Amino acid sequence: MAKNSIEPAGYLFKYCLDKSPGSLAALLGQACVQFFSGNYRAALQSFQNLLKSHPQFNEFRAAIGYCFQRLGFAEMA
């Protein structure tokens, strides 16, 4: 994915979050945009926040592991 092709998605998720701050879909989308844009620290924080509010979704744990791996913390991944 090219960075400039994911940017519009980031704006759309931000717009959705302005209208509905707790939207799980928009929060997840925003975290994915952060990750695929290379902003791994922000993505890590977003996925951790999602996990705190929705602990039943194990997919967030995997995403956190990917963020740690990309940040160079393989042992934490």
PDB file of N, CA and C in Angstrom:
ATOM      1  N   MET A   1       0.825  -1.177   0.000  1.00  0.00           N
ATOM      2  CA  MET A   1       0.000   0.000   0.000  1.00  0.00           C
ATOM      3  C   MET A   1       0.873   1.246   0.000  1.00  0.00           C
ATOM      4  N   ALA A   2       0.608   2.125  -0.867  1.00  0.00           N
ATOM      5  CA  ALA A   2       1.345   3.381  -0.893  1.00  0.00           C
ATOM      6  C   ALA A   2       0.793   4.306   0.187  1.00  0.00           C
ATOM      7  N   LYS A   3       1.683   5.074   0.802  1.00  0.00           N
ATOM      8  CA  LYS A   3       1.243   5.956   1.880  1.00  0.00           C
ATOM      9  C   LYS A   3       0.157   6.914   1.427  1.00  0.00           C
ATOM     10  N   ASN A   4       0.296   7.440   0.220  1.00  0.00           N
ATOM     11  CA  ASN A   4      -0.688   8.430  -0.218  1.00  0.00           C
ATOM     12  C   ASN A   4      -2.045   7.806  -0.538  1.00  0.00           C
ATOM     13  N   SER A   5      -2.135   6.494  -0.654  1.00  0.00           N
ATOM     14  CA  SER A   5      -3.426   5.876  -0.913  1.00  0.00           C
ATOM     15  C   SER A   5      -4.178   5.589   0.390  1.00  0.00           C
ATOM     16  N   ILE A   6      -3.496   5.611   1.507  1.00  0.00           N
ATOM     17  CA  ILE A   6      -4.149   5.337   2.785  1.00  0.00           C
ATOM     18  C   ILE A   6      -4.541   6.626   3.512  1.00  0.00           C
ATOM     19  N   GLU A   7      -3.955   7.736   3.094  1.00  0.00           N
ATOM     20  CA  GLU A   7      -4.243   9.020   3.733  1.00  0.00           C
ATOM     21  C   GLU A   7      -5.728   9.380   3.729  1.00  0.00           C
ATOM     22  N   PRO A   8      -6.426   9.235   2.603  1.00  0.00           N
ATOM     23  CA  PRO A   8      -7.861   9.568   2.613  1.00  0.00           C
ATOM     24  C   PRO A   8      -8.650   8.737   3.627  1.00  0.00           C
ATOM     25  N   ALA A   9      -8.254   7.505   3.832  1.00  0.00           N
ATOM     26  CA  ALA A   9      -8.932   6.670   4.823  1.00  0.00           C
ATOM     27  C   ALA A   9      -8.747   7.256   6.217  1.00  0.00           C
ATOM     28  N   GLY A  10      -7.558   7.769   6.500  1.00  0.00           N
ATOM     29  CA  GLY A  10      -7.298   8.394   7.788  1.00  0.00           C
ATOM     30  C   GLY A  10      -8.220   9.578   8.033  1.00  0.00           C
ATOM     31  N   TYR A  11      -8.441  10.386   7.002  1.00  0.00           N
ATOM     32  CA  TYR A  11      -9.349  11.534   7.130  1.00  0.00           C
ATOM     33  C   TYR A  11     -10.788  11.081   7.359  1.00  0.00           C
ATOM     34  N   LEU A  12     -11.184  10.013   6.684  1.00  0.00           N
ATOM     35  CA  LEU A  12     -12.548   9.513   6.859  1.00  0.00           C
ATOM     36  C   LEU A  12     -12.772   8.962   8.268  1.00  0.00           C
ATOM     37  N   PHE A  13     -11.775   8.227   8.788  1.00  0.00           N
ATOM     38  CA  PHE A  13     -11.913   7.700  10.146  1.00  0.00           C
ATOM     39  C   PHE A  13     -11.931   8.830  11.164  1.00  0.00           C
ATOM     40  N   LYS A  14     -11.137   9.863  10.934  1.00  0.00           N
ATOM     41  CA  LYS A  14     -11.143  11.014  11.837  1.00  0.00           C
ATOM     42  C   LYS A  14     -12.512  11.690  11.806  1.00  0.00           C
ATOM     43  N   TYR A  15     -13.073  11.850  10.641  1.00  0.00           N
ATOM     44  CA  TYR A  15     -14.411  12.440  10.512  1.00  0.00           C
ATOM     45  C   TYR A  15     -15.437  11.603  11.276  1.00  0.00           C
ATOM     46  N   CYS A  16     -15.364  10.290  11.119  1.00  0.00           N
ATOM     47  CA  CYS A  16     -16.291   9.397  11.818  1.00  0.00           C
ATOM     48  C   CYS A  16     -16.138   9.516  13.325  1.00  0.00           C
ATOM     49  N   LEU A  17     -14.888   9.620  13.785  1.00  0.00           N
ATOM     50  CA  LEU A  17     -14.648   9.734  15.220  1.00  0.00           C
ATOM     51  C   LEU A  17     -15.112  11.078  15.768  1.00  0.00           C
ATOM     52  N   ASP A  18     -15.077  12.105  14.949  1.00  0.00           N
ATOM     53  CA  ASP A  18     -15.618  13.399  15.374  1.00  0.00           C
ATOM     54  C   ASP A  18     -17.129  13.303  15.597  1.00  0.00           C
ATOM     55  N   LYS A  19     -17.791  12.516  14.767  1.00  0.00           N
ATOM     56  CA  LYS A  19     -19.244  12.351  14.861  1.00  0.00           C
ATOM     57  C   LYS A  19     -19.643  11.337  15.932  1.00  0.00           C
ATOM     58  N   SER A  20     -18.832  10.282  16.070  1.00  0.00           N
ATOM     59  CA  SER A  20     -19.131   9.211  17.025  1.00  0.00           C
ATOM     60  C   SER A  20     -17.826   8.737  17.660  1.00  0.00           C
ATOM     61  N   PRO A  21     -17.396   9.406  18.740  1.00  0.00           N
ATOM     62  CA  PRO A  21     -16.073   9.149  19.328  1.00  0.00           C
ATOM     63  C   PRO A  21     -15.812   7.705  19.779  1.00  0.00           C
ATOM     64  N   GLY A  22     -16.839   6.964  20.107  1.00  0.00           N
ATOM     65  CA  GLY A  22     -16.626   5.606  20.593  1.00  0.00           C
ATOM     66  C   GLY A  22     -16.792   4.524  19.545  1.00  0.00           C
ATOM     67  N   SER A  23     -16.869   4.891  18.298  1.00  0.00           N
ATOM     68  CA  SER A  23     -17.104   3.919  17.240  1.00  0.00           C
ATOM     69  C   SER A  23     -15.951   2.920  17.135  1.00  0.00           C
ATOM     70  N   LEU A  24     -16.246   1.668  17.409  1.00  0.00           N
ATOM     71  CA  LEU A  24     -15.221   0.626  17.355  1.00  0.00           C
ATOM     72  C   LEU A  24     -14.624   0.518  15.958  1.00  0.00           C
ATOM     73  N   ALA A  25     -15.454   0.560  14.939  1.00  0.00           N
ATOM     74  CA  ALA A  25     -14.971   0.438  13.562  1.00  0.00           C
ATOM     75  C   ALA A  25     -14.031   1.582  13.206  1.00  0.00           C
ATOM     76  N   ALA A  26     -14.390   2.807  13.595  1.00  0.00           N
ATOM     77  CA  ALA A  26     -13.548   3.958  13.281  1.00  0.00           C
ATOM     78  C   ALA A  26     -12.253   3.936  14.078  1.00  0.00           C
ATOM     79  N   LEU A  27     -12.317   3.531  15.339  1.00  0.00           N
ATOM     80  CA  LEU A  27     -11.098   3.437  16.155  1.00  0.00           C
ATOM     81  C   LEU A  27     -10.150   2.382  15.594  1.00  0.00           C
ATOM     82  N   LEU A  28     -10.707   1.246  15.200  1.00  0.00           N
ATOM     83  CA  LEU A  28      -9.892   0.189  14.608  1.00  0.00           C
ATOM     84  C   LEU A  28      -9.309   0.639  13.275  1.00  0.00           C
ATOM     85  N   GLY A  29     -10.115   1.294  12.467  1.00  0.00           N
ATOM     86  CA  GLY A  29      -9.624   1.805  11.192  1.00  0.00           C
ATOM     87  C   GLY A  29      -8.501   2.801  11.377  1.00  0.00           C
ATOM     88  N   GLN A  30      -8.654   3.692  12.342  1.00  0.00           N
ATOM     89  CA  GLN A  30      -7.621   4.682  12.619  1.00  0.00           C
ATOM     90  C   GLN A  30      -6.315   3.996  13.051  1.00  0.00           C
ATOM     91  N   ALA A  31      -6.419   2.982  13.900  1.00  0.00           N
ATOM     92  CA  ALA A  31      -5.232   2.251  14.335  1.00  0.00           C
ATOM     93  C   ALA A  31      -4.545   1.562  13.151  1.00  0.00           C
ATOM     94  N   CYS A  32      -5.326   1.000  12.267  1.00  0.00           N
ATOM     95  CA  CYS A  32      -4.756   0.343  11.081  1.00  0.00           C
ATOM     96  C   CYS A  32      -4.079   1.344  10.156  1.00  0.00           C
ATOM     97  N   VAL A  33      -4.688   2.499   9.990  1.00  0.00           N
ATOM     98  CA  VAL A  33      -4.077   3.547   9.169  1.00  0.00           C
ATOM     99  C   VAL A  33      -2.742   3.973   9.779  1.00  0.00           C
ATOM    100  N   GLN A  34      -2.707   4.138  11.083  1.00  0.00           N
ATOM    101  CA  GLN A  34      -1.461   4.505  11.755  1.00  0.00           C
ATOM    102  C   GLN A  34      -0.394   3.444  11.509  1.00  0.00           C
ATOM    103  N   PHE A  35      -0.778   2.181  11.637  1.00  0.00           N
ATOM    104  CA  PHE A  35       0.182   1.099  11.436  1.00  0.00           C
ATOM    105  C   PHE A  35       0.705   1.084  10.004  1.00  0.00           C
ATOM    106  N   PHE A  36      -0.187   1.117   9.030  1.00  0.00           N
ATOM    107  CA  PHE A  36       0.232   1.015   7.641  1.00  0.00           C
ATOM    108  C   PHE A  36       0.909   2.282   7.128  1.00  0.00           C
ATOM    109  N   SER A  37       0.783   3.362   7.885  1.00  0.00           N
ATOM    110  CA  SER A  37       1.501   4.596   7.547  1.00  0.00           C
ATOM    111  C   SER A  37       2.897   4.606   8.167  1.00  0.00           C
ATOM    112  N   GLY A  38       3.205   3.603   8.973  1.00  0.00           N
ATOM    113  CA  GLY A  38       4.516   3.516   9.606  1.00  0.00           C
ATOM    114  C   GLY A  38       4.593   4.207  10.955  1.00  0.00           C
ATOM    115  N   ASN A  39       3.462   4.664  11.472  1.00  0.00           N
ATOM    116  CA  ASN A  39       3.431   5.312  12.779  1.00  0.00           C
ATOM    117  C   ASN A  39       3.125   4.238  13.828  1.00  0.00           C
ATOM    118  N   TYR A  40       4.123   3.395  14.094  1.00  0.00           N
ATOM    119  CA  TYR A  40       3.923   2.211  14.934  1.00  0.00           C
ATOM    120  C   TYR A  40       3.661   2.550  16.392  1.00  0.00           C
ATOM    121  N   ARG A  41       4.272   3.620  16.902  1.00  0.00           N
ATOM    122  CA  ARG A  41       4.028   4.010  18.298  1.00  0.00           C
ATOM    123  C   ARG A  41       2.575   4.427  18.505  1.00  0.00           C
ATOM    124  N   ALA A  42       2.051   5.238  17.604  1.00  0.00           N
ATOM    125  CA  ALA A  42       0.647   5.662  17.709  1.00  0.00           C
ATOM    126  C   ALA A  42      -0.283   4.459  17.537  1.00  0.00           C
ATOM    127  N   ALA A  43       0.059   3.578  16.604  1.00  0.00           N
ATOM    128  CA  ALA A  43      -0.757   2.379  16.387  1.00  0.00           C
ATOM    129  C   ALA A  43      -0.741   1.493  17.626  1.00  0.00           C
ATOM    130  N   LEU A  44       0.419   1.346  18.232  1.00  0.00           N
ATOM    131  CA  LEU A  44       0.532   0.544  19.458  1.00  0.00           C
ATOM    132  C   LEU A  44      -0.390   1.109  20.532  1.00  0.00           C
ATOM    133  N   GLN A  45      -0.341   2.412  20.745  1.00  0.00           N
ATOM    134  CA  GLN A  45      -1.196   3.050  21.749  1.00  0.00           C
ATOM    135  C   GLN A  45      -2.673   2.855  21.413  1.00  0.00           C
ATOM    136  N   SER A  46      -3.013   2.982  20.149  1.00  0.00           N
ATOM    137  CA  SER A  46      -4.409   2.818  19.730  1.00  0.00           C
ATOM    138  C   SER A  46      -4.889   1.388  19.954  1.00  0.00           C
ATOM    139  N   PHE A  47      -4.077   0.414  19.570  1.00  0.00           N
ATOM    140  CA  PHE A  47      -4.473  -0.989  19.770  1.00  0.00           C
ATOM    141  C   PHE A  47      -4.550  -1.336  21.251  1.00  0.00           C
ATOM    142  N   GLN A  48      -3.648  -0.783  22.067  1.00  0.00           N
ATOM    143  CA  GLN A  48      -3.699  -1.035  23.509  1.00  0.00           C
ATOM    144  C   GLN A  48      -4.977  -0.451  24.105  1.00  0.00           C
ATOM    145  N   ASN A  49      -5.355   0.745  23.663  1.00  0.00           N
ATOM    146  CA  ASN A  49      -6.604   1.347  24.142  1.00  0.00           C
ATOM    147  C   ASN A  49      -7.813   0.527  23.713  1.00  0.00           C
ATOM    148  N   LEU A  50      -7.780   0.031  22.484  1.00  0.00           N
ATOM    149  CA  LEU A  50      -8.869  -0.822  22.017  1.00  0.00           C
ATOM    150  C   LEU A  50      -8.961  -2.093  22.849  1.00  0.00           C
ATOM    151  N   LEU A  51      -7.821  -2.669  23.181  1.00  0.00           N
ATOM    152  CA  LEU A  51      -7.818  -3.899  23.976  1.00  0.00           C
ATOM    153  C   LEU A  51      -8.379  -3.648  25.380  1.00  0.00           C
ATOM    154  N   LYS A  52      -8.052  -2.494  25.958  1.00  0.00           N
ATOM    155  CA  LYS A  52      -8.583  -2.168  27.296  1.00  0.00           C
ATOM    156  C   LYS A  52     -10.102  -2.068  27.278  1.00  0.00           C
ATOM    157  N   SER A  53     -10.645  -1.481  26.231  1.00  0.00           N
ATOM    158  CA  SER A  53     -12.095  -1.300  26.176  1.00  0.00           C
ATOM    159  C   SER A  53     -12.834  -2.510  25.597  1.00  0.00           C
ATOM    160  N   HIS A  54     -12.118  -3.362  24.872  1.00  0.00           N
ATOM    161  CA  HIS A  54     -12.736  -4.553  24.264  1.00  0.00           C
ATOM    162  C   HIS A  54     -11.798  -5.762  24.430  1.00  0.00           C
ATOM    163  N   PRO A  55     -11.628  -6.251  25.662  1.00  0.00           N
ATOM    164  CA  PRO A  55     -10.662  -7.334  25.904  1.00  0.00           C
ATOM    165  C   PRO A  55     -11.019  -8.666  25.247  1.00  0.00           C
ATOM    166  N   GLN A  56     -12.230  -8.797  24.759  1.00  0.00           N
ATOM    167  CA  GLN A  56     -12.647 -10.060  24.146  1.00  0.00           C
ATOM    168  C   GLN A  56     -12.073 -10.256  22.745  1.00  0.00           C
ATOM    169  N   PHE A  57     -11.519  -9.192  22.148  1.00  0.00           N
ATOM    170  CA  PHE A  57     -10.990  -9.293  20.793  1.00  0.00           C
ATOM    171  C   PHE A  57      -9.497  -9.617  20.817  1.00  0.00           C
ATOM    172  N   ASN A  58      -9.168 -10.880  20.616  1.00  0.00           N
ATOM    173  CA  ASN A  58      -7.766 -11.308  20.624  1.00  0.00           C
ATOM    174  C   ASN A  58      -6.986 -10.756  19.441  1.00  0.00           C
ATOM    175  N   GLU A  59      -7.671 -10.328  18.416  1.00  0.00           N
ATOM    176  CA  GLU A  59      -6.998  -9.751  17.249  1.00  0.00           C
ATOM    177  C   GLU A  59      -6.196  -8.514  17.634  1.00  0.00           C
ATOM    178  N   PHE A  60      -6.665  -7.782  18.657  1.00  0.00           N
ATOM    179  CA  PHE A  60      -5.933  -6.605  19.110  1.00  0.00           C
ATOM    180  C   PHE A  60      -4.591  -7.002  19.722  1.00  0.00           C
ATOM    181  N   ARG A  61      -4.561  -8.160  20.379  1.00  0.00           N
ATOM    182  CA  ARG A  61      -3.303  -8.650  20.965  1.00  0.00           C
ATOM    183  C   ARG A  61      -2.285  -8.942  19.852  1.00  0.00           C
ATOM    184  N   ALA A  62      -2.746  -9.542  18.770  1.00  0.00           N
ATOM    185  CA  ALA A  62      -1.857  -9.826  17.647  1.00  0.00           C
ATOM    186  C   ALA A  62      -1.348  -8.528  17.035  1.00  0.00           C
ATOM    187  N   ALA A  63      -2.221  -7.544  16.895  1.00  0.00           N
ATOM    188  CA  ALA A  63      -1.811  -6.252  16.332  1.00  0.00           C
ATOM    189  C   ALA A  63      -0.781  -5.569  17.226  1.00  0.00           C
ATOM    190  N   ILE A  64      -0.954  -5.683  18.532  1.00  0.00           N
ATOM    191  CA  ILE A  64       0.022  -5.119  19.471  1.00  0.00           C
ATOM    192  C   ILE A  64       1.369  -5.801  19.282  1.00  0.00           C
ATOM    193  N   GLY A  65       1.351  -7.105  19.088  1.00  0.00           N
ATOM    194  CA  GLY A  65       2.585  -7.838  18.835  1.00  0.00           C
ATOM    195  C   GLY A  65       3.274  -7.378  17.562  1.00  0.00           C
ATOM    196  N   TYR A  66       2.513  -7.146  16.515  1.00  0.00           N
ATOM    197  CA  TYR A  66       3.094  -6.635  15.262  1.00  0.00           C
ATOM    198  C   TYR A  66       3.720  -5.264  15.478  1.00  0.00           C
ATOM    199  N   CYS A  67       3.061  -4.414  16.247  1.00  0.00           N
ATOM    200  CA  CYS A  67       3.623  -3.087  16.529  1.00  0.00           C
ATOM    201  C   CYS A  67       4.947  -3.205  17.278  1.00  0.00           C
ATOM    202  N   PHE A  68       4.975  -4.051  18.310  1.00  0.00           N
ATOM    203  CA  PHE A  68       6.217  -4.243  19.061  1.00  0.00           C
ATOM    204  C   PHE A  68       7.332  -4.757  18.152  1.00  0.00           C
ATOM    205  N   GLN A  69       6.990  -5.688  17.267  1.00  0.00           N
ATOM    206  CA  GLN A  69       7.992  -6.237  16.359  1.00  0.00           C
ATOM    207  C   GLN A  69       8.538  -5.152  15.442  1.00  0.00           C
ATOM    208  N   ARG A  70       7.677  -4.322  14.907  1.00  0.00           N
ATOM    209  CA  ARG A  70       8.108  -3.252  14.002  1.00  0.00           C
ATOM    210  C   ARG A  70       8.927  -2.187  14.731  1.00  0.00           C
ATOM    211  N   LEU A  71       8.664  -2.038  16.034  1.00  0.00           N
ATOM    212  CA  LEU A  71       9.417  -1.058  16.825  1.00  0.00           C
ATOM    213  C   LEU A  71      10.764  -1.613  17.313  1.00  0.00           C
ATOM    214  N   GLY A  72      11.014  -2.899  17.014  1.00  0.00           N
ATOM    215  CA  GLY A  72      12.288  -3.508  17.379  1.00  0.00           C
ATOM    216  C   GLY A  72      12.276  -4.207  18.719  1.00  0.00           C
ATOM    217  N   PHE A  73      11.097  -4.452  19.267  1.00  0.00           N
ATOM    218  CA  PHE A  73      10.982  -5.135  20.562  1.00  0.00           C
ATOM    219  C   PHE A  73      10.443  -6.550  20.332  1.00  0.00           C
ATOM    220  N   ALA A  74      11.231  -7.354  19.659  1.00  0.00           N
ATOM    221  CA  ALA A  74      10.790  -8.701  19.276  1.00  0.00           C
ATOM    222  C   ALA A  74      10.442  -9.547  20.490  1.00  0.00           C
ATOM    223  N   GLU A  75      11.163  -9.373  21.600  1.00  0.00           N
ATOM    224  CA  GLU A  75      10.908 -10.175  22.797  1.00  0.00           C
ATOM    225  C   GLU A  75       9.543  -9.849  23.395  1.00  0.00           C
ATOM    226  N   MET A  76       9.084  -8.630  23.220  1.00  0.00           N
ATOM    227  CA  MET A  76       7.770  -8.250  23.737  1.00  0.00           C
ATOM    228  C   MET A  76       6.652  -8.671  22.786  1.00  0.00           C
ATOM    229  N   ALA A  77       7.006  -8.848  21.532  1.00  0.00           N
ATOM    230  CA  ALA A  77       6.018  -9.238  20.522  1.00  0.00           C
ATOM    231  C   ALA A  77       5.533 -10.644  20.818  1.00  0.00           C
TER     232      ALA A  77
END
